[in-house]
Amino acid sequence: MAEIFVLGGGTPTPTAERFGSAHVLKIGEETLMFDCGPAATHKLVKAGLFPTQVDNLFFTHHHFDHNIDYPCFLLCRWDQGAGNINELNVYGPSLTEEITEGIIGENGVFSADWRARVGHPLSQQVYQNRGGTLPRLRPNPQAKNIGPGEVASGKNWEVTAALAEHVQPYLDSLAYRVDTPDGSVVFTGDTQPCQSVIDLARDADMMLCMCWDDQDVMNATGESPGQCGTTGAAEMAQEAGVKKLVLVHMGPNLSSQAPFDQTYLGMQRVYHGDIVFSEELFKIDL
């Protein structure tokens, strides 16, 4: 059974309930991660998972609420793996390779950290105590800038990307679809309702879609372009024929259940499938 974990279900605005974006799809023994927002590494562990289980990380785009914990995740996974894990595959739109190199490359901002862990006798002893064999190799994640189309595949999964519409031309954005023997799931990332994401999500079993705020509020404040609100998320799910809509990336006005309940009936009039209000550390079977 494939399982989906909402690690971060919020936005750049921290609330008591949620902050930033990060999700995990566990398919048997394989674990895929989508975005790496604030405290994603810690939330991963709180969800009963561990960084060394993740061999493939996919970024939707490079706003900080989707990637700020990337340095922590890279170094923690490498350090805890003690040389006994696969190299991490990292996929994302433009800047993914450049950000990775800037973090952990030869002259990256965290290169002093891995150099100390590779070279200092204490770090070498800890590494060996964890099962590592000297000499210790530096971290070497395989980052790749990608665009629309088939992105990656594993034993029981295939990932396809499509363009999302968010804050272009400043940042490129992608949505992802994962097809598995247990069903299909779409991670929209940040996007306004758009045909490319609707086509990607066609007849999917589940769609995790951003839902910044009540649509009427967004329309009144000028915050609709580049984002989905309640109605936008519902309209995309309905047009795509998605069976279940899971709302994520919810802003402060929708962070808790009570305000969301006020908009739920309006969404039901647009979308005829199941609507799920997600919490952080929420798990749902595909």
C-alpha atoms as a PDB file:
ATOM      1  CA  MET A   1       0.000   0.000   0.000  1.00  0.00           C
ATOM      2  CA  ALA A   2       1.364   3.401  -0.993  1.00  0.00           C
ATOM      3  CA  GLU A   3       1.224   6.000   1.780  1.00  0.00           C
ATOM      4  CA  ILE A   4       1.330   9.799   1.581  1.00  0.00           C
ATOM      5  CA  PHE A   5       2.653  11.926   4.434  1.00  0.00           C
ATOM      6  CA  VAL A   6       1.974  15.653   4.691  1.00  0.00           C
ATOM      7  CA  LEU A   7       5.056  16.891   6.534  1.00  0.00           C
ATOM      8  CA  GLY A   8       4.531  20.578   5.838  1.00  0.00           C
ATOM      9  CA  GLY A   9       1.050  21.770   4.932  1.00  0.00           C
ATOM     10  CA  GLY A  10       1.547  25.501   5.238  1.00  0.00           C
ATOM     11  CA  THR A  11       2.961  28.580   3.568  1.00  0.00           C
ATOM     12  CA  PRO A  12       5.684  31.217   4.116  1.00  0.00           C
ATOM     13  CA  THR A  13       3.551  32.544   6.996  1.00  0.00           C
ATOM     14  CA  PRO A  14       4.146  30.387  10.093  1.00  0.00           C
ATOM     15  CA  THR A  15       1.149  29.481  12.230  1.00  0.00           C
ATOM     16  CA  ALA A  16       0.789  27.238  15.274  1.00  0.00           C
ATOM     17  CA  GLU A  17      -0.651  24.529  13.024  1.00  0.00           C
ATOM     18  CA  ARG A  18       1.606  24.583   9.945  1.00  0.00           C
ATOM     19  CA  PHE A  19       4.603  26.128   8.184  1.00  0.00           C
ATOM     20  CA  GLY A  20       6.048  25.519   4.727  1.00  0.00           C
ATOM     21  CA  SER A  21       5.677  22.642   2.299  1.00  0.00           C
ATOM     22  CA  ALA A  22       7.019  19.075   2.234  1.00  0.00           C
ATOM     23  CA  HIS A  23       5.420  15.745   1.355  1.00  0.00           C
ATOM     24  CA  VAL A  24       6.471  12.111   1.205  1.00  0.00           C
ATOM     25  CA  LEU A  25       5.165   9.218  -0.857  1.00  0.00           C
ATOM     26  CA  LYS A  26       6.170   5.796   0.465  1.00  0.00           C
ATOM     27  CA  ILE A  27       5.770   2.943  -2.022  1.00  0.00           C
ATOM     28  CA  GLY A  28       6.798  -0.299  -0.384  1.00  0.00           C
ATOM     29  CA  GLU A  29      10.462   0.139   0.545  1.00  0.00           C
ATOM     30  CA  GLU A  30      10.959   3.200  -1.682  1.00  0.00           C
ATOM     31  CA  THR A  31      10.416   6.702  -0.332  1.00  0.00           C
ATOM     32  CA  LEU A  32      10.005   9.797  -2.511  1.00  0.00           C
ATOM     33  CA  MET A  33      10.051  13.315  -1.097  1.00  0.00           C
ATOM     34  CA  PHE A  34       8.438  16.375  -2.647  1.00  0.00           C
ATOM     35  CA  ASP A  35       9.802  19.749  -1.495  1.00  0.00           C
ATOM     36  CA  CYS A  36      11.840  20.342   1.630  1.00  0.00           C
ATOM     37  CA  GLY A  37      10.389  23.318   3.471  1.00  0.00           C
ATOM     38  CA  PRO A  38      10.932  24.509   7.056  1.00  0.00           C
ATOM     39  CA  ALA A  39      11.944  21.726   9.495  1.00  0.00           C
ATOM     40  CA  ALA A  40      11.160  19.044   6.910  1.00  0.00           C
ATOM     41  CA  THR A  41      13.957  16.788   8.176  1.00  0.00           C
ATOM     42  CA  HIS A  42      12.620  16.881  11.730  1.00  0.00           C
ATOM     43  CA  LYS A  43       9.020  16.452  10.585  1.00  0.00           C
ATOM     44  CA  LEU A  44      10.116  13.430   8.532  1.00  0.00           C
ATOM     45  CA  VAL A  45      11.402  11.767  11.703  1.00  0.00           C
ATOM     46  CA  LYS A  46       8.313  12.774  13.682  1.00  0.00           C
ATOM     47  CA  ALA A  47       6.244  11.020  11.010  1.00  0.00           C
ATOM     48  CA  GLY A  48       8.119   7.772  11.714  1.00  0.00           C
ATOM     49  CA  LEU A  49      10.456   8.000   8.712  1.00  0.00           C
ATOM     50  CA  PHE A  50      14.175   8.838   8.415  1.00  0.00           C
ATOM     51  CA  PRO A  51      16.265  10.852   5.952  1.00  0.00           C
ATOM     52  CA  THR A  52      18.308   7.821   4.883  1.00  0.00           C
ATOM     53  CA  GLN A  53      15.121   6.203   3.531  1.00  0.00           C
ATOM     54  CA  VAL A  54      14.750   8.935   0.884  1.00  0.00           C
ATOM     55  CA  ASP A  55      16.678   8.316  -2.342  1.00  0.00           C
ATOM     56  CA  ASN A  56      14.707  10.709  -4.572  1.00  0.00           C
ATOM     57  CA  LEU A  57      13.781  14.327  -3.839  1.00  0.00           C
ATOM     58  CA  PHE A  58      11.643  16.447  -6.172  1.00  0.00           C
ATOM     59  CA  PHE A  59      11.313  20.235  -5.947  1.00  0.00           C
ATOM     60  CA  THR A  60       8.259  21.999  -7.336  1.00  0.00           C
ATOM     61  CA  HIS A  61      10.022  25.388  -7.227  1.00  0.00           C
ATOM     62  CA  HIS A  62      12.552  27.312  -5.183  1.00  0.00           C
ATOM     63  CA  HIS A  63      10.664  29.605  -2.862  1.00  0.00           C
ATOM     64  CA  PHE A  64      12.090  29.289   0.662  1.00  0.00           C
ATOM     65  CA  ASP A  65       8.965  27.683   2.098  1.00  0.00           C
ATOM     66  CA  HIS A  66       9.650  24.762  -0.278  1.00  0.00           C
ATOM     67  CA  ASN A  67      13.434  24.407   0.021  1.00  0.00           C
ATOM     68  CA  ILE A  68      14.836  26.082   3.161  1.00  0.00           C
ATOM     69  CA  ASP A  69      15.543  22.760   4.939  1.00  0.00           C
ATOM     70  CA  TYR A  70      17.409  21.337   1.935  1.00  0.00           C
ATOM     71  CA  PRO A  71      20.904  21.957   3.408  1.00  0.00           C
ATOM     72  CA  CYS A  72      19.885  20.274   6.658  1.00  0.00           C
ATOM     73  CA  PHE A  73      18.356  17.308   4.845  1.00  0.00           C
ATOM     74  CA  LEU A  74      21.394  16.845   2.571  1.00  0.00           C
ATOM     75  CA  LEU A  75      23.914  16.871   5.397  1.00  0.00           C
ATOM     76  CA  CYS A  76      21.809  14.861   7.845  1.00  0.00           C
ATOM     77  CA  ARG A  77      21.104  12.127   5.305  1.00  0.00           C
ATOM     78  CA  TRP A  78      24.765  11.924   4.274  1.00  0.00           C
ATOM     79  CA  ASP A  79      26.027  11.964   7.864  1.00  0.00           C
ATOM     80  CA  GLN A  80      23.564   9.408   9.220  1.00  0.00           C
ATOM     81  CA  GLY A  81      24.019   7.117   6.212  1.00  0.00           C
ATOM     82  CA  ALA A  82      27.669   6.503   7.122  1.00  0.00           C
ATOM     83  CA  GLY A  83      28.579   5.571   3.564  1.00  0.00           C
ATOM     84  CA  ASN A  84      25.991   2.790   3.412  1.00  0.00           C
ATOM     85  CA  ILE A  85      23.260   4.512   1.418  1.00  0.00           C
ATOM     86  CA  ASN A  86      22.632   5.349  -2.218  1.00  0.00           C
ATOM     87  CA  GLU A  87      23.525   8.781  -3.528  1.00  0.00           C
ATOM     88  CA  LEU A  88      20.529  11.085  -3.413  1.00  0.00           C
ATOM     89  CA  ASN A  89      18.802  11.936  -6.707  1.00  0.00           C
ATOM     90  CA  VAL A  90      17.436  15.488  -6.728  1.00  0.00           C
ATOM     91  CA  TYR A  91      15.097  16.779  -9.425  1.00  0.00           C
ATOM     92  CA  GLY A  92      13.593  20.204  -9.890  1.00  0.00           C
ATOM     93  CA  PRO A  93      13.124  23.168 -12.201  1.00  0.00           C
ATOM     94  CA  SER A  94      15.911  25.591 -13.092  1.00  0.00           C
ATOM     95  CA  LEU A  95      18.259  26.491 -10.208  1.00  0.00           C
ATOM     96  CA  THR A  96      18.141  23.003  -8.655  1.00  0.00           C
ATOM     97  CA  GLU A  97      21.681  22.161  -9.783  1.00  0.00           C
ATOM     98  CA  GLU A  98      23.000  25.611  -8.917  1.00  0.00           C
ATOM     99  CA  ILE A  99      21.455  25.646  -5.429  1.00  0.00           C
ATOM    100  CA  THR A 100      22.789  22.165  -4.701  1.00  0.00           C
ATOM    101  CA  GLU A 101      26.305  23.138  -5.746  1.00  0.00           C
ATOM    102  CA  GLY A 102      26.061  26.342  -3.737  1.00  0.00           C
ATOM    103  CA  ILE A 103      25.118  24.390  -0.628  1.00  0.00           C
ATOM    104  CA  ILE A 104      27.403  21.390  -0.726  1.00  0.00           C
ATOM    105  CA  GLY A 105      29.885  21.779  -3.580  1.00  0.00           C
ATOM    106  CA  GLU A 106      33.632  22.243  -3.196  1.00  0.00           C
ATOM    107  CA  ASN A 107      33.089  25.915  -2.397  1.00  0.00           C
ATOM    108  CA  GLY A 108      29.538  25.617  -1.072  1.00  0.00           C
ATOM    109  CA  VAL A 109      28.395  27.444   2.021  1.00  0.00           C
ATOM    110  CA  PHE A 110      28.356  24.148   3.963  1.00  0.00           C
ATOM    111  CA  SER A 111      31.588  22.713   2.542  1.00  0.00           C
ATOM    112  CA  ALA A 112      33.399  23.483   5.822  1.00  0.00           C
ATOM    113  CA  ASP A 113      30.944  21.165   7.612  1.00  0.00           C
ATOM    114  CA  TRP A 114      31.527  18.125   5.414  1.00  0.00           C
ATOM    115  CA  ARG A 115      35.272  18.773   5.251  1.00  0.00           C
ATOM    116  CA  ALA A 116      35.421  18.640   9.058  1.00  0.00           C
ATOM    117  CA  ARG A 117      33.342  15.458   9.164  1.00  0.00           C
ATOM    118  CA  VAL A 118      35.523  13.848   6.500  1.00  0.00           C
ATOM    119  CA  GLY A 119      38.866  14.878   7.990  1.00  0.00           C
ATOM    120  CA  HIS A 120      38.698  15.279  11.769  1.00  0.00           C
ATOM    121  CA  PRO A 121      39.652  12.198  13.871  1.00  0.00           C
ATOM    122  CA  LEU A 122      36.595  12.495  16.116  1.00  0.00           C
ATOM    123  CA  SER A 123      34.241  12.623  13.144  1.00  0.00           C
ATOM    124  CA  GLN A 124      36.088   9.720  11.548  1.00  0.00           C
ATOM    125  CA  GLN A 125      35.637   7.652  14.720  1.00  0.00           C
ATOM    126  CA  VAL A 126      31.911   8.407  14.908  1.00  0.00           C
ATOM    127  CA  TYR A 127      31.622   7.500  11.223  1.00  0.00           C
ATOM    128  CA  GLN A 128      33.319   4.137  11.816  1.00  0.00           C
ATOM    129  CA  ASN A 129      31.185   3.477  14.898  1.00  0.00           C
ATOM    130  CA  ARG A 130      28.139   3.877  12.667  1.00  0.00           C
ATOM    131  CA  GLY A 131      29.489   1.240  10.282  1.00  0.00           C
ATOM    132  CA  GLY A 132      31.409   3.426   7.856  1.00  0.00           C
ATOM    133  CA  THR A 133      34.752   2.529   6.266  1.00  0.00           C
ATOM    134  CA  LEU A 134      37.538   5.088   5.845  1.00  0.00           C
ATOM    135  CA  PRO A 135      38.354   7.066   3.824  1.00  0.00           C
ATOM    136  CA  ARG A 136      35.045   8.860   4.086  1.00  0.00           C
ATOM    137  CA  LEU A 137      33.652  10.280   0.869  1.00  0.00           C
ATOM    138  CA  ARG A 138      32.142  13.768   0.677  1.00  0.00           C
ATOM    139  CA  PRO A 139      28.404  14.104  -0.040  1.00  0.00           C
ATOM    140  CA  ASN A 140      27.653  13.969  -3.746  1.00  0.00           C
ATOM    141  CA  PRO A 141      23.928  14.357  -4.478  1.00  0.00           C
ATOM    142  CA  GLN A 142      22.978  13.959  -8.132  1.00  0.00           C
ATOM    143  CA  ALA A 143      20.989  17.113  -8.847  1.00  0.00           C
ATOM    144  CA  LYS A 144      19.303  17.701 -12.185  1.00  0.00           C
ATOM    145  CA  ASN A 145      17.389  20.643 -13.625  1.00  0.00           C
ATOM    146  CA  ILE A 146      14.316  19.261 -15.381  1.00  0.00           C
ATOM    147  CA  GLY A 147      11.274  20.340 -17.351  1.00  0.00           C
ATOM    148  CA  PRO A 148       7.963  18.777 -18.350  1.00  0.00           C
ATOM    149  CA  GLY A 149       7.763  15.089 -19.262  1.00  0.00           C
ATOM    150  CA  GLU A 150       8.828  11.807 -17.734  1.00  0.00           C
ATOM    151  CA  VAL A 151      11.284  12.580 -14.955  1.00  0.00           C
ATOM    152  CA  ALA A 152      12.244   9.404 -13.116  1.00  0.00           C
ATOM    153  CA  SER A 153      11.080   5.885 -12.377  1.00  0.00           C
ATOM    154  CA  GLY A 154      11.703   3.083  -9.889  1.00  0.00           C
ATOM    155  CA  LYS A 155      10.608  -0.463  -9.272  1.00  0.00           C
ATOM    156  CA  ASN A 156       6.963   0.463  -8.668  1.00  0.00           C
ATOM    157  CA  TRP A 157       6.642   4.118  -9.623  1.00  0.00           C
ATOM    158  CA  GLU A 158       6.979   6.606 -12.437  1.00  0.00           C
ATOM    159  CA  VAL A 159       7.119  10.390 -12.043  1.00  0.00           C
ATOM    160  CA  THR A 160       5.928  12.811 -14.726  1.00  0.00           C
ATOM    161  CA  ALA A 161       6.186  16.603 -14.524  1.00  0.00           C
ATOM    162  CA  ALA A 162       4.147  19.421 -16.040  1.00  0.00           C
ATOM    163  CA  LEU A 163       4.530  23.183 -15.967  1.00  0.00           C
ATOM    164  CA  ALA A 164       2.690  24.974 -13.177  1.00  0.00           C
ATOM    165  CA  GLU A 165       1.825  28.677 -13.254  1.00  0.00           C
ATOM    166  CA  HIS A 166       3.048  30.561 -10.209  1.00  0.00           C
ATOM    167  CA  VAL A 167       5.604  33.417 -10.315  1.00  0.00           C
ATOM    168  CA  GLN A 168       7.193  33.109 -13.748  1.00  0.00           C
ATOM    169  CA  PRO A 169       9.515  34.507 -15.053  1.00  0.00           C
ATOM    170  CA  TYR A 170      11.210  34.904 -11.675  1.00  0.00           C
ATOM    171  CA  LEU A 171      10.993  31.211 -10.745  1.00  0.00           C
ATOM    172  CA  ASP A 172      10.004  28.181 -12.798  1.00  0.00           C
ATOM    173  CA  SER A 173       7.447  25.837 -11.237  1.00  0.00           C
ATOM    174  CA  LEU A 174       6.509  22.212 -11.812  1.00  0.00           C
ATOM    175  CA  ALA A 175       3.716  19.895 -10.734  1.00  0.00           C
ATOM    176  CA  TYR A 176       4.349  16.153 -10.431  1.00  0.00           C
ATOM    177  CA  ARG A 177       2.292  13.029 -11.009  1.00  0.00           C
ATOM    178  CA  VAL A 178       3.354   9.677  -9.582  1.00  0.00           C
ATOM    179  CA  ASP A 179       1.837   6.500 -11.012  1.00  0.00           C
ATOM    180  CA  THR A 180       2.101   3.365  -8.860  1.00  0.00           C
ATOM    181  CA  PRO A 181       0.418  -0.066  -8.781  1.00  0.00           C
ATOM    182  CA  ASP A 182      -1.747   1.287  -5.937  1.00  0.00           C
ATOM    183  CA  GLY A 183      -2.910   4.335  -7.854  1.00  0.00           C
ATOM    184  CA  SER A 184      -1.824   7.794  -8.977  1.00  0.00           C
ATOM    185  CA  VAL A 185      -1.203  10.988  -7.025  1.00  0.00           C
ATOM    186  CA  VAL A 186      -0.489  14.547  -8.146  1.00  0.00           C
ATOM    187  CA  PHE A 187       1.472  17.157  -6.203  1.00  0.00           C
ATOM    188  CA  THR A 188       0.526  20.517  -7.706  1.00  0.00           C
ATOM    189  CA  GLY A 189       3.051  22.649  -5.844  1.00  0.00           C
ATOM    190  CA  ASP A 190       2.161  26.331  -6.048  1.00  0.00           C
ATOM    191  CA  THR A 191       0.036  27.157  -9.053  1.00  0.00           C
ATOM    192  CA  GLN A 192      -3.004  28.988 -10.274  1.00  0.00           C
ATOM    193  CA  PRO A 193      -5.636  26.850 -12.009  1.00  0.00           C
ATOM    194  CA  CYS A 194      -4.112  25.966 -15.381  1.00  0.00           C
ATOM    195  CA  GLN A 195      -4.631  23.483 -18.190  1.00  0.00           C
ATOM    196  CA  SER A 196      -1.186  21.881 -17.928  1.00  0.00           C
ATOM    197  CA  VAL A 197      -1.801  20.781 -14.337  1.00  0.00           C
ATOM    198  CA  ILE A 198      -5.362  19.697 -15.141  1.00  0.00           C
ATOM    199  CA  ASP A 199      -4.034  17.513 -17.962  1.00  0.00           C
ATOM    200  CA  LEU A 200      -1.355  16.057 -15.689  1.00  0.00           C
ATOM    201  CA  ALA A 201      -3.965  15.205 -13.048  1.00  0.00           C
ATOM    202  CA  ARG A 202      -6.455  13.634 -15.467  1.00  0.00           C
ATOM    203  CA  ASP A 203      -8.308  10.763 -13.691  1.00  0.00           C
ATOM    204  CA  ALA A 204      -5.761  10.651 -10.848  1.00  0.00           C
ATOM    205  CA  ASP A 205      -6.782   8.927  -7.643  1.00  0.00           C
ATOM    206  CA  MET A 206      -5.597  11.824  -5.503  1.00  0.00           C
ATOM    207  CA  MET A 207      -4.391  15.395  -5.895  1.00  0.00           C
ATOM    208  CA  LEU A 208      -2.568  17.370  -3.221  1.00  0.00           C
ATOM    209  CA  CYS A 209      -3.368  20.944  -4.180  1.00  0.00           C
ATOM    210  CA  MET A 210      -2.434  24.274  -2.668  1.00  0.00           C
ATOM    211  CA  CYS A 211      -5.318  26.229  -1.126  1.00  0.00           C
ATOM    212  CA  TRP A 212      -4.098  29.624   0.018  1.00  0.00           C
ATOM    213  CA  ASP A 213      -7.383  31.152   1.175  1.00  0.00           C
ATOM    214  CA  ASP A 214     -11.093  31.497   0.556  1.00  0.00           C
ATOM    215  CA  GLN A 215     -11.471  32.367  -3.121  1.00  0.00           C
ATOM    216  CA  ASP A 216     -13.671  35.410  -2.514  1.00  0.00           C
ATOM    217  CA  VAL A 217     -11.065  36.848  -0.157  1.00  0.00           C
ATOM    218  CA  MET A 218      -8.304  36.221  -2.691  1.00  0.00           C
ATOM    219  CA  ASN A 219     -10.304  37.861  -5.457  1.00  0.00           C
ATOM    220  CA  ALA A 220     -11.004  40.907  -3.279  1.00  0.00           C
ATOM    221  CA  THR A 221      -7.366  41.318  -2.192  1.00  0.00           C
ATOM    222  CA  GLY A 222      -5.816  40.705  -5.614  1.00  0.00           C
ATOM    223  CA  GLU A 223      -4.098  37.489  -4.483  1.00  0.00           C
ATOM    224  CA  SER A 224      -5.704  35.093  -6.979  1.00  0.00           C
ATOM    225  CA  PRO A 225      -3.099  35.261  -9.786  1.00  0.00           C
ATOM    226  CA  GLY A 226      -0.463  32.550  -9.407  1.00  0.00           C
ATOM    227  CA  GLN A 227      -2.304  30.669  -6.678  1.00  0.00           C
ATOM    228  CA  CYS A 228      -5.215  28.331  -6.040  1.00  0.00           C
ATOM    229  CA  GLY A 229      -7.820  29.170  -3.457  1.00  0.00           C
ATOM    230  CA  THR A 230     -10.822  27.145  -2.390  1.00  0.00           C
ATOM    231  CA  THR A 231     -12.762  27.438  -5.636  1.00  0.00           C
ATOM    232  CA  GLY A 232      -9.681  27.181  -7.859  1.00  0.00           C
ATOM    233  CA  ALA A 233      -8.580  23.926  -6.231  1.00  0.00           C
ATOM    234  CA  ALA A 234     -12.089  22.501  -6.490  1.00  0.00           C
ATOM    235  CA  GLU A 235     -12.470  23.523 -10.145  1.00  0.00           C
ATOM    236  CA  MET A 236      -9.139  21.963 -11.140  1.00  0.00           C
ATOM    237  CA  ALA A 237      -9.959  18.701  -9.358  1.00  0.00           C
ATOM    238  CA  GLN A 238     -13.407  18.532 -10.932  1.00  0.00           C
ATOM    239  CA  GLU A 239     -12.202  19.241 -14.467  1.00  0.00           C
ATOM    240  CA  ALA A 240      -9.392  16.698 -14.135  1.00  0.00           C
ATOM    241  CA  GLY A 241     -11.722  14.004 -12.785  1.00  0.00           C
ATOM    242  CA  VAL A 242      -9.617  13.525  -9.649  1.00  0.00           C
ATOM    243  CA  LYS A 243     -11.161  11.111  -7.152  1.00  0.00           C
ATOM    244  CA  LYS A 244      -9.862  12.722  -3.944  1.00  0.00           C
ATOM    245  CA  LEU A 245      -8.704  16.294  -3.311  1.00  0.00           C
ATOM    246  CA  VAL A 246      -6.283  16.830  -0.424  1.00  0.00           C
ATOM    247  CA  LEU A 247      -5.806  20.487   0.486  1.00  0.00           C
ATOM    248  CA  VAL A 248      -2.289  21.610   1.451  1.00  0.00           C
ATOM    249  CA  HIS A 249      -0.284  24.853   1.475  1.00  0.00           C
ATOM    250  CA  MET A 250      -3.080  26.534   3.420  1.00  0.00           C
ATOM    251  CA  GLY A 251      -2.552  30.117   4.512  1.00  0.00           C
ATOM    252  CA  PRO A 252      -3.162  31.506   7.995  1.00  0.00           C
ATOM    253  CA  ASN A 253      -6.854  32.152   7.393  1.00  0.00           C
ATOM    254  CA  LEU A 254      -7.454  28.441   6.698  1.00  0.00           C
ATOM    255  CA  SER A 255      -4.793  26.905   8.941  1.00  0.00           C
ATOM    256  CA  SER A 256      -7.231  25.327  11.381  1.00  0.00           C
ATOM    257  CA  GLN A 257     -10.352  23.259  10.804  1.00  0.00           C
ATOM    258  CA  ALA A 258     -12.980  25.780  11.954  1.00  0.00           C
ATOM    259  CA  PRO A 259     -12.462  28.458   9.262  1.00  0.00           C
ATOM    260  CA  PHE A 260     -12.102  25.759   6.612  1.00  0.00           C
ATOM    261  CA  ASP A 261     -15.516  24.311   7.531  1.00  0.00           C
ATOM    262  CA  GLN A 262     -17.116  27.587   6.470  1.00  0.00           C
ATOM    263  CA  THR A 263     -15.858  27.155   2.903  1.00  0.00           C
ATOM    264  CA  TYR A 264     -16.353  23.409   2.603  1.00  0.00           C
ATOM    265  CA  LEU A 265     -19.946  23.477   1.345  1.00  0.00           C
ATOM    266  CA  GLY A 266     -19.051  25.955  -1.375  1.00  0.00           C
ATOM    267  CA  MET A 267     -16.259  23.676  -2.582  1.00  0.00           C
ATOM    268  CA  GLN A 268     -18.620  20.695  -2.602  1.00  0.00           C
ATOM    269  CA  ARG A 269     -20.903  22.529  -5.007  1.00  0.00           C
ATOM    270  CA  VAL A 270     -17.983  22.697  -7.476  1.00  0.00           C
ATOM    271  CA  TYR A 271     -16.153  19.410  -6.862  1.00  0.00           C
ATOM    272  CA  HIS A 272     -18.034  16.127  -6.470  1.00  0.00           C
ATOM    273  CA  GLY A 273     -15.260  13.936  -5.076  1.00  0.00           C
ATOM    274  CA  ASP A 274     -13.857  13.603  -1.558  1.00  0.00           C
ATOM    275  CA  ILE A 275     -12.265  16.711  -0.016  1.00  0.00           C
ATOM    276  CA  VAL A 276      -9.667  16.221   2.713  1.00  0.00           C
ATOM    277  CA  PHE A 277      -8.419  18.970   5.031  1.00  0.00           C
ATOM    278  CA  SER A 278      -4.844  17.945   5.839  1.00  0.00           C
ATOM    279  CA  GLU A 279      -2.879  18.551   9.017  1.00  0.00           C
ATOM    280  CA  GLU A 280       0.902  18.395   9.370  1.00  0.00           C
ATOM    281  CA  LEU A 281       2.147  14.830   9.966  1.00  0.00           C
ATOM    282  CA  PHE A 282      -1.104  13.666   8.370  1.00  0.00           C
ATOM    283  CA  LYS A 283      -0.901  10.261   6.662  1.00  0.00           C
ATOM    284  CA  ILE A 284      -3.290   8.963   4.035  1.00  0.00           C
ATOM    285  CA  ASP A 285      -3.304   5.755   1.997  1.00  0.00           C
ATOM    286  CA  LEU A 286      -3.329   6.113  -1.760  1.00  0.00           C
END
